Each structure stands twice: as C-alpha cells, then as structure tokens.
Protein backbone atom coordinates (compact mmCIF):
# COMPACT_ATOMS: atom_id res chain seq x y z
CA MET A 1 -0.02 0.00 0.03
CA GLU A 2 1.44 3.31 -1.04
CA ASN A 3 -0.05 5.54 1.66
CA MET A 4 0.25 3.11 4.57
CA GLU A 5 0.97 5.03 7.71
CA SER A 6 3.56 3.45 10.01
CA LYS A 7 2.66 2.33 13.51
CA ALA A 8 5.25 4.78 14.90
CA ARG A 9 3.54 7.73 13.12
CA THR A 10 0.16 6.57 14.37
CA LEU A 11 1.57 6.40 17.91
CA VAL A 12 3.09 9.91 17.75
CA LYS A 13 -0.19 11.29 16.37
CA THR A 14 -2.06 9.52 19.18
CA ILE A 15 0.21 10.95 21.82
CA SER A 16 0.09 14.52 20.54
CA PHE A 17 -3.71 14.40 20.20
CA ARG A 18 -4.10 12.92 23.69
CA ILE A 19 -2.03 15.74 25.27
CA ILE A 20 -4.63 18.21 24.04
CA ILE A 21 -7.50 16.03 25.16
CA VAL A 22 -5.98 15.40 28.61
CA ILE A 23 -5.85 19.12 29.20
CA ILE A 24 -9.41 19.62 28.06
CA SER A 25 -10.87 16.61 29.92
CA THR A 26 -9.06 17.54 33.12
CA MET A 27 -10.52 21.05 32.97
CA VAL A 28 -14.01 19.62 32.38
CA PHE A 29 -13.74 17.04 35.19
CA TRP A 30 -12.36 19.73 37.53
CA ASN A 31 -15.29 22.06 36.73
CA ALA A 32 -17.75 19.25 37.32
CA THR A 33 -16.25 17.90 40.56
CA GLN A 34 -14.05 20.58 42.16
CA ASN A 35 -12.28 17.59 43.75
CA VAL A 36 -8.60 16.79 43.00
CA SER A 37 -8.85 13.00 43.55
CA GLN A 38 -12.06 12.61 41.55
CA THR A 39 -10.67 14.74 38.78
CA THR A 40 -7.35 12.79 38.68
CA LEU A 41 -9.01 9.34 38.73
CA SER A 42 -11.67 10.34 36.13
CA SER A 43 -9.04 11.90 33.84
CA ILE A 44 -6.76 8.82 34.01
CA ILE A 45 -9.51 6.33 33.35
CA PHE A 46 -11.03 8.35 30.56
CA ASN A 47 -7.77 9.12 28.79
CA VAL A 48 -6.31 5.62 28.95
CA ALA A 49 -9.49 4.21 27.45
CA ALA A 50 -9.75 6.99 24.84
CA THR A 51 -6.09 6.66 23.83
CA ALA A 52 -6.47 2.94 23.19
CA ALA A 53 -9.73 3.53 21.27
CA TYR A 54 -8.10 6.26 19.14
CA TYR A 55 -5.04 4.10 18.31
CA ILE A 56 -7.18 1.13 17.34
CA HIS A 57 -9.42 3.43 15.24
CA GLU A 58 -6.42 4.85 13.42
CA ARG A 59 -5.01 1.42 12.68
CA ILE A 60 -8.30 0.24 11.29
CA TRP A 61 -8.50 3.24 8.99
CA VAL A 62 -4.98 2.59 7.73
CA ARG A 63 -6.28 -0.77 6.40
CA ILE A 64 -9.31 0.72 4.60
CA LYS A 65 -8.77 1.22 0.88
CA TRP A 66 -10.55 4.51 0.25
CA ASP A 67 -9.54 7.08 -2.31
CA PRO A 68 -12.49 9.33 -3.29
CA MET A 69 -10.37 10.85 -6.08
CA LYS A 70 -9.78 7.48 -7.73
CA LYS A 71 -12.44 6.39 -10.21
CA ASP A 72 -13.65 2.85 -9.93
CA SER A 73 -14.73 1.54 -13.35
CA SER A 74 -17.24 -0.79 -11.70
CA LYS A 75 -19.22 2.07 -10.32
CA SER A 76 -21.40 4.72 -11.91
CA ASP A 77 -20.13 7.78 -13.80
CA PHE A 78 -20.37 9.94 -10.70
CA SER A 79 -17.37 12.28 -10.65
CA GLN A 80 -15.55 14.28 -8.04
CA ASN A 81 -16.77 17.39 -9.81
CA ASP A 82 -20.34 16.33 -8.91
CA LEU A 83 -19.49 16.80 -5.29
CA MET A 84 -18.63 20.44 -5.84
CA LYS A 85 -22.04 21.32 -7.35
C-alpha cells in the first residue's frame, strides 16, 4: 500500500492528540467535581481508554482502501466534480 501510515507515526499522532484532550478533559472534570482526587481518577481512566480507542481506530482506517479521487470503473459515472455542485 502506497499511503500506509507506520505504527510509529500513528503512535506519535495519538500521543500529541491525547495531550490536548488530557488538558481539556481535566478542565471539564475539575469544573464538574471541584475535587482533585475525583478529577485525577476520572481523567486517568477516561484518557487511557480513549487513547487505546483512538489508536485502534487509526490502525483500522490505515487498512481501509478509500480514495475518493480514484475512479472505480465498476461504479457509476459519478465524478468528483459532482461533489462540488
């Protein structure tokens, strides 16, 4: 596959995305609980589960052959230009 993303790239993308989400989720949990221990526990549980889900989601999408710009001769004559109308 020509556009196959490496596992290392997916992992780096996952980590950078999760840093942003950790900050946001921690602020949301803090505003909801105003309790350090509840905020910490909730943030850890949520972010570990969400990180695993995101990584798995990305790896599944790497395996999907999808190129909307590539015309499949077995399909109708619908073109990319039709999307712009």
